[in-house]
């Protein structure tokens, strides 16, 4: 069924299709029996799928990656479609429109997407309201919610920590874990925060505030796939030093490798992060490297090029504890969630 829907969605501009899909999910999930139908079609309920990671119990290891439900508008729908957890955001303190349009592009022959959205979101206060509404309408759904946080475009890097702290305080009561996003290629100079000293300062500050809470929340770091081995070594060291709960690996890449589309087409799209099938191998290699370097002591949420159930299994075998979908979900729909969970059960 999804392939029929996708046929029509892919006739629209990518961002138009994105917003239309979210709009319809918001509408449909409120109708009687739709939630039950979604669950019947796509959800795989089995205790063997449960994963206990960094103090949280995930009903299954397949999550929705940040970037799709930026403003936490469709948590109920994604829960009904079978996801075990949903990561909202990236959220910034102030609402911001993001980069100029067009800024989202499909490369269908490569099962890929290029985006330069630029942390477009409605700001932390509205996102918090949306999560609270979702909890009420869904009667405190068991789905785990992650909060992916970032800085506003107008905030200089020397003041970036303030933005992350504001988001942490605002969302603390409504999310189950946090992801610090310093790896998006679409906010000017953001990736400079991945350098060792600025990153340590940011993470130490967040952890200091976190430890003052009655119940500290897991804090993870989302990293880019474009880091060198030396930089990855630094990341592993920083995770241990700052006592982070884990890593999300990986964000989109600025590389244009592994594309079969004509170079002129890719060049005409311009800057942005590449996701989807061309990132599959690179992302898995990074997960494997971190797992080996850390002696499997760092929990990893794998994201990047999971287009098939086998891609997810490969990520888990490489050392990941959980997986997340974005581009694969756009190309394959909710059948992919079901297929991954079924294959995990088959491997048990």
Protein backbone atom coordinates (compact mmCIF):
# COMPACT_ATOMS: atom_id res chain seq x y z
CA UNK A 1 0.00 0.00 0.00
CA UNK A 2 2.77 2.44 0.89
CA UNK A 3 4.30 2.18 -2.57
CA UNK A 4 1.05 3.49 -4.05
CA UNK A 5 1.07 6.39 -1.60
CA UNK A 6 4.76 7.00 -2.31
CA UNK A 7 4.06 7.16 -6.05
CA UNK A 8 1.86 10.20 -5.52
CA UNK A 9 4.02 11.78 -2.80
CA UNK A 10 7.09 11.57 -5.03
CA UNK A 11 5.24 13.60 -7.66
CA UNK A 12 5.37 16.52 -5.21
CA UNK A 13 8.34 18.59 -4.13
CA UNK A 14 10.13 16.76 -1.31
CA UNK A 15 9.36 19.27 1.44
CA UNK A 16 5.74 19.63 0.32
CA UNK A 17 5.34 15.84 0.53
CA UNK A 18 6.96 15.86 3.96
CA UNK A 19 4.56 18.43 5.41
CA UNK A 20 1.54 16.82 3.71
CA UNK A 21 2.44 13.44 5.22
CA UNK A 22 2.74 14.88 8.73
CA UNK A 23 -0.54 16.74 8.28
CA UNK A 24 -2.39 13.60 7.23
CA UNK A 25 -0.86 11.53 10.02
CA UNK A 26 -2.02 14.14 12.54
CA UNK A 27 -5.52 13.99 11.06
CA UNK A 28 -5.81 10.23 10.61
CA UNK A 29 -4.59 9.23 14.06
CA UNK A 30 -7.50 11.12 15.63
CA UNK A 31 -10.07 9.07 13.73
CA UNK A 32 -11.72 6.10 15.46
CA UNK A 33 -9.98 2.77 14.88
CA UNK A 34 -7.09 4.22 12.81
CA UNK A 35 -4.60 3.70 15.62
CA UNK A 36 -5.74 0.09 15.95
CA UNK A 37 -5.50 -0.45 12.19
CA UNK A 38 -1.96 0.96 12.09
CA UNK A 39 -0.92 -1.32 14.94
CA UNK A 40 -2.54 -4.33 13.31
CA UNK A 41 -0.76 -3.68 10.01
CA UNK A 42 2.69 -2.66 11.20
CA UNK A 43 3.39 -3.09 14.93
CA UNK A 44 5.25 -6.18 16.11
CA UNK A 45 4.51 -6.80 19.77
CA UNK A 46 6.87 -9.23 21.46
CA UNK A 47 8.72 -9.11 24.78
CA UNK A 48 11.80 -10.52 23.04
CA UNK A 49 12.14 -7.20 21.18
CA UNK A 50 12.55 -5.20 24.40
CA UNK A 51 15.91 -3.54 24.94
CA UNK A 52 17.13 -2.03 28.22
CA UNK A 53 19.67 0.62 27.32
CA UNK A 54 21.09 3.44 29.48
CA UNK A 55 18.40 2.86 32.09
CA UNK A 56 15.44 2.98 29.70
CA UNK A 57 13.27 0.14 28.43
CA UNK A 58 12.55 0.32 24.69
CA UNK A 59 9.65 -1.87 23.54
CA UNK A 60 11.59 -2.58 20.35
CA UNK A 61 14.94 -1.36 19.01
CA UNK A 62 13.63 0.48 15.92
CA UNK A 63 13.26 4.24 16.31
CA UNK A 64 12.45 7.27 14.23
CA UNK A 65 15.49 9.50 13.73
CA UNK A 66 15.49 13.21 14.45
CA UNK A 67 14.60 15.51 11.58
CA UNK A 68 11.33 13.95 10.49
CA UNK A 69 9.07 15.00 13.36
CA UNK A 70 10.95 18.15 14.31
CA UNK A 71 8.12 19.71 16.30
CA UNK A 72 6.75 16.56 17.98
CA UNK A 73 3.49 16.75 16.03
CA UNK A 74 3.00 13.05 15.21
CA UNK A 75 4.36 11.04 18.13
CA UNK A 76 1.09 9.12 18.56
CA UNK A 77 1.00 8.16 14.88
CA UNK A 78 4.61 6.99 14.79
CA UNK A 79 4.04 4.95 17.95
CA UNK A 80 1.05 3.26 16.30
CA UNK A 81 3.11 2.52 13.18
CA UNK A 82 5.38 0.33 15.27
CA UNK A 83 8.36 2.46 16.25
CA UNK A 84 9.87 1.63 19.62
CA UNK A 85 11.00 5.21 20.18
CA UNK A 86 10.80 8.60 18.53
CA UNK A 87 13.49 11.28 18.51
CA UNK A 88 12.07 14.75 17.99
CA UNK A 89 13.93 17.86 16.85
CA UNK A 90 16.43 19.18 16.29
CA UNK A 91 14.96 21.72 18.72
CA UNK A 92 16.44 25.17 19.31
CA UNK A 93 15.53 27.73 22.00
CA UNK A 94 13.91 30.14 19.55
CA UNK A 95 11.74 29.25 16.59
CA UNK A 96 13.58 29.66 13.31
CA UNK A 97 12.63 29.18 9.66
CA UNK A 98 15.80 27.38 8.62
CA UNK A 99 17.58 27.85 5.32
CA UNK A 100 16.06 29.16 2.10
CA UNK A 101 13.91 26.83 -0.02
CA UNK A 102 14.29 24.58 -1.90
CA UNK A 103 16.34 22.70 0.69
CA UNK A 104 15.21 19.07 0.48
CA UNK A 105 15.99 16.91 -2.56
CA UNK A 106 15.40 13.28 -3.47
CA UNK A 107 17.95 11.33 -5.51
CA UNK A 108 15.64 8.45 -6.31
CA UNK A 109 18.01 6.32 -8.35
CA UNK A 110 20.39 6.22 -5.38
CA UNK A 111 17.68 5.92 -2.71
CA UNK A 112 19.11 9.05 -1.14
CA UNK A 113 18.17 12.49 0.08
CA UNK A 114 20.13 15.72 0.31
CA UNK A 115 18.89 18.28 2.80
CA UNK A 116 20.03 21.66 4.04
CA UNK A 117 17.05 22.37 6.26
CA UNK A 118 19.01 24.30 8.87
CA UNK A 119 17.28 23.34 12.14
CA UNK A 120 13.90 24.75 11.07
CA UNK A 121 11.58 24.27 14.06
CA UNK A 122 8.95 26.05 16.15
CA UNK A 123 11.19 26.47 19.19
CA UNK A 124 11.48 24.62 22.48
CA UNK A 125 8.35 26.00 24.18
CA UNK A 126 5.94 24.91 21.43
CA UNK A 127 7.66 21.55 21.08
CA UNK A 128 7.19 20.99 24.81
CA UNK A 129 3.48 21.81 24.46
CA UNK A 130 3.14 19.33 21.60
CA UNK A 131 4.76 16.54 23.61
CA UNK A 132 2.46 17.22 26.55
CA UNK A 133 -0.60 17.14 24.27
CA UNK A 134 0.59 13.85 22.80
CA UNK A 135 0.99 12.33 26.27
CA UNK A 136 -2.56 13.35 27.20
CA UNK A 137 -4.18 12.13 23.97
CA UNK A 138 -2.23 8.89 24.05
CA UNK A 139 -2.83 8.32 27.76
CA UNK A 140 0.85 8.29 28.60
CA UNK A 141 2.01 6.01 25.78
CA UNK A 142 4.91 3.78 26.66
CA UNK A 143 6.90 5.03 23.68
CA UNK A 144 10.30 6.48 24.53
CA UNK A 145 10.85 10.08 23.38
CA UNK A 146 14.29 11.49 22.68
CA UNK A 147 14.98 15.21 22.50
CA UNK A 148 17.54 16.23 19.89
CA UNK A 149 18.80 19.71 20.78
CA UNK A 150 20.86 22.32 18.97
CA UNK A 151 21.71 26.00 18.81
CA UNK A 152 20.01 28.81 16.95
CA UNK A 153 21.67 29.98 13.77
CA UNK A 154 22.08 33.51 15.16
CA UNK A 155 23.85 32.27 18.29
CA UNK A 156 27.65 32.54 17.96
CA UNK A 157 29.63 29.41 18.83
CA UNK A 158 31.10 31.02 21.94
CA UNK A 159 27.55 31.23 23.33
CA UNK A 160 26.34 27.89 21.96
CA UNK A 161 26.39 26.18 25.35
CA UNK A 162 23.71 28.59 26.57
CA UNK A 163 21.32 27.39 23.83
CA UNK A 164 21.86 23.73 24.66
CA UNK A 165 21.33 24.42 28.36
CA UNK A 166 18.06 26.29 27.67
CA UNK A 167 16.73 23.38 25.63
CA UNK A 168 17.82 20.90 28.28
CA UNK A 169 15.94 22.75 31.01
CA UNK A 170 12.81 23.29 28.89
CA UNK A 171 12.48 19.71 27.65
CA UNK A 172 13.78 17.88 30.72
CA UNK A 173 10.33 16.95 32.05
CA UNK A 174 8.91 15.73 28.72
CA UNK A 175 11.65 13.66 27.07
CA UNK A 176 13.32 10.44 28.18
CA UNK A 177 16.80 11.12 26.81
CA UNK A 178 18.71 13.93 25.12
CA UNK A 179 20.88 14.00 22.01
CA UNK A 180 23.35 16.83 21.61
CA UNK A 181 23.53 17.68 17.92
CA UNK A 182 26.79 19.37 16.92
CA UNK A 183 27.14 17.40 13.69
CA UNK A 184 24.58 18.85 11.28
CA UNK A 185 26.31 20.31 8.21
CA UNK A 186 23.49 22.81 7.65
CA UNK A 187 24.06 25.36 10.42
CA UNK A 188 27.11 27.57 9.77
CA UNK A 189 30.13 26.64 11.92
CA UNK A 190 28.15 24.12 14.00
CA UNK A 191 30.55 21.28 13.29
CA UNK A 192 33.37 23.31 14.82
CA UNK A 193 31.75 22.38 18.14
CA UNK A 194 32.86 18.77 17.49
CA UNK A 195 36.45 19.83 18.14
CA UNK A 196 37.76 18.31 21.35
CA UNK A 197 37.90 21.27 23.74
CA UNK A 198 34.63 23.05 22.79
CA UNK A 199 32.84 19.70 22.86
CA UNK A 200 34.18 18.77 26.28
CA UNK A 201 33.17 22.15 27.67
CA UNK A 202 29.63 21.79 26.30
CA UNK A 203 29.16 18.24 27.53
CA UNK A 204 30.67 18.83 30.96
CA UNK A 205 28.30 21.77 31.44
CA UNK A 206 25.24 19.74 30.49
CA UNK A 207 26.30 16.83 32.66
CA UNK A 208 26.90 19.11 35.64
CA UNK A 209 23.34 20.44 35.34
CA UNK A 210 22.04 16.91 34.71
CA UNK A 211 23.62 15.53 37.87
CA UNK A 212 21.87 18.18 39.94
CA UNK A 213 18.51 16.72 38.91
CA UNK A 214 16.77 14.21 41.15
CA UNK A 215 16.68 11.80 38.23
CA UNK A 216 19.38 12.57 35.63
CA UNK A 217 18.45 11.88 32.00
CA UNK A 218 20.69 9.98 29.58
CA UNK A 219 22.63 12.40 27.37
CA UNK A 220 23.98 11.18 24.04
CA UNK A 221 26.10 12.84 21.37
CA UNK A 222 25.26 12.68 17.65
CA UNK A 223 28.36 12.52 15.48
CA UNK A 224 29.11 13.09 11.81
CA UNK A 225 30.21 10.34 9.42
CA UNK A 226 32.97 12.61 8.13
CA UNK A 227 35.23 12.37 11.19
CA UNK A 228 38.76 10.97 10.88
CA UNK A 229 39.89 8.02 13.01
CA UNK A 230 41.83 10.44 15.19
CA UNK A 231 38.66 12.47 15.75
CA UNK A 232 36.69 9.31 16.49
CA UNK A 233 39.34 8.38 19.05
CA UNK A 234 38.81 11.80 20.65
CA UNK A 235 35.05 11.20 20.69
CA UNK A 236 35.47 7.87 22.49
CA UNK A 237 37.75 9.53 25.03
CA UNK A 238 35.29 12.39 25.56
CA UNK A 239 32.35 10.00 26.06
CA UNK A 240 34.21 8.25 28.87
CA UNK A 241 35.55 11.46 30.36
CA UNK A 242 32.17 13.23 30.43
CA UNK A 243 30.28 10.02 31.30
CA UNK A 244 27.85 10.32 28.43
CA UNK A 245 25.16 7.65 28.09
CA UNK A 246 26.09 6.89 24.50
CA UNK A 247 26.41 8.01 20.88
CA UNK A 248 24.13 8.42 17.88
CA UNK A 249 26.09 7.44 14.78
CA UNK A 250 25.78 8.98 12.29
CA UNK A 251 24.39 12.24 10.98
CA UNK A 252 24.29 13.08 7.28
CA UNK A 253 27.49 13.38 5.27
CA UNK A 254 28.91 16.24 3.24
CA UNK A 255 30.53 13.65 0.95
CA UNK A 256 29.06 12.92 -2.47
CA UNK A 257 30.66 9.49 -2.82
CA UNK A 258 28.75 6.36 -3.90
CA UNK A 259 26.24 8.25 -6.03
CA UNK A 260 25.28 7.04 -9.51
CA UNK A 261 23.30 10.19 -10.36
CA UNK A 262 24.92 12.53 -12.86
CA UNK A 263 27.43 14.91 -11.33
CA UNK A 264 25.70 17.87 -12.96
CA UNK A 265 22.47 17.00 -11.14
CA UNK A 266 24.26 16.68 -7.80
CA UNK A 267 26.15 19.92 -8.38
CA UNK A 268 22.91 21.72 -9.19
CA UNK A 269 21.47 20.70 -5.81
CA UNK A 270 24.40 22.27 -4.01
CA UNK A 271 25.29 22.08 -0.32
CA UNK A 272 23.59 19.88 2.23
CA UNK A 273 23.81 16.61 4.10
CA UNK A 274 23.46 13.36 2.17
CA UNK A 275 21.50 10.48 3.70
CA UNK A 276 20.23 7.12 2.55
CA UNK A 277 21.79 4.16 0.78
CA UNK A 278 25.10 5.84 -0.13
CA UNK A 279 25.78 6.26 3.61
CA UNK A 280 25.04 2.65 4.61
CA UNK A 281 28.56 1.24 4.51
CA UNK A 282 30.31 4.29 5.98
CA UNK A 283 27.93 4.52 8.91
CA UNK A 284 28.32 0.83 9.72
CA UNK A 285 32.12 1.12 9.58
CA UNK A 286 32.06 3.99 12.07
CA UNK A 287 29.80 2.04 14.43
CA UNK A 288 32.13 -0.94 14.24
CA UNK A 289 35.20 1.23 14.86
CA UNK A 290 33.68 2.90 17.93
CA UNK A 291 32.44 -0.41 19.32
CA UNK A 292 35.88 -1.97 18.99
CA UNK A 293 37.73 1.10 20.27
CA UNK A 294 35.48 1.32 23.33
CA UNK A 295 35.43 -2.45 23.88
CA UNK A 296 31.64 -2.32 23.42
CA UNK A 297 31.27 -0.12 26.49
CA UNK A 298 29.51 2.74 24.67
CA UNK A 299 25.84 2.21 23.74
CA UNK A 300 25.30 3.27 20.14
CA UNK A 301 22.10 4.26 18.37
CA UNK A 302 22.73 3.48 14.70
CA UNK A 303 21.36 5.73 11.99
CA UNK A 304 22.45 6.22 8.41
CA UNK A 305 21.49 4.24 5.34
CA UNK A 306 19.18 1.67 6.92
CA UNK A 307 17.15 0.84 3.82
CA UNK A 308 16.46 -2.86 4.47
CA UNK A 309 16.00 -5.16 7.44
CA UNK A 310 19.43 -6.62 6.74
CA UNK A 311 20.99 -3.13 6.96
CA UNK A 312 19.58 -2.86 10.48
CA UNK A 313 20.89 -6.31 11.43
CA UNK A 314 24.32 -5.34 10.08
CA UNK A 315 24.31 -2.22 12.28
CA UNK A 316 23.35 -4.27 15.34
CA UNK A 317 26.02 -6.84 14.54
CA UNK A 318 28.57 -4.03 14.18
CA UNK A 319 27.93 -3.01 17.78
CA UNK A 320 24.80 -0.86 17.86
CA UNK A 321 22.19 -1.32 20.56
CA UNK A 322 19.33 0.42 18.74
CA UNK A 323 18.63 1.64 15.20
CA UNK A 324 16.84 4.66 13.74
CA UNK A 325 15.16 5.26 10.39
CA UNK A 326 14.79 8.40 8.34
CA UNK A 327 15.50 8.07 4.62
CA UNK A 328 14.70 4.36 4.66
CA UNK A 329 11.31 5.18 6.15
CA UNK A 330 10.63 7.72 3.39
CA UNK A 331 11.51 5.24 0.65
CA UNK A 332 10.09 2.05 2.19
CA UNK A 333 7.40 3.24 4.60
CA UNK A 334 6.26 1.50 7.80
CA UNK A 335 6.73 -1.95 6.26
CA UNK A 336 10.43 -1.45 6.98
CA UNK A 337 9.80 -1.11 10.74
CA UNK A 338 7.85 -4.35 10.72
CA UNK A 339 10.44 -6.16 8.59
CA UNK A 340 13.31 -5.18 10.89
CA UNK A 341 11.50 -6.28 14.04
CA UNK A 342 10.46 -9.56 12.42
CA UNK A 343 14.01 -10.27 11.30
CA UNK A 344 15.37 -9.52 14.77
CA UNK A 345 12.88 -12.02 16.21
CA UNK A 346 13.86 -14.57 13.58
CA UNK A 347 17.52 -14.22 14.62
CA UNK A 348 16.69 -14.87 18.30
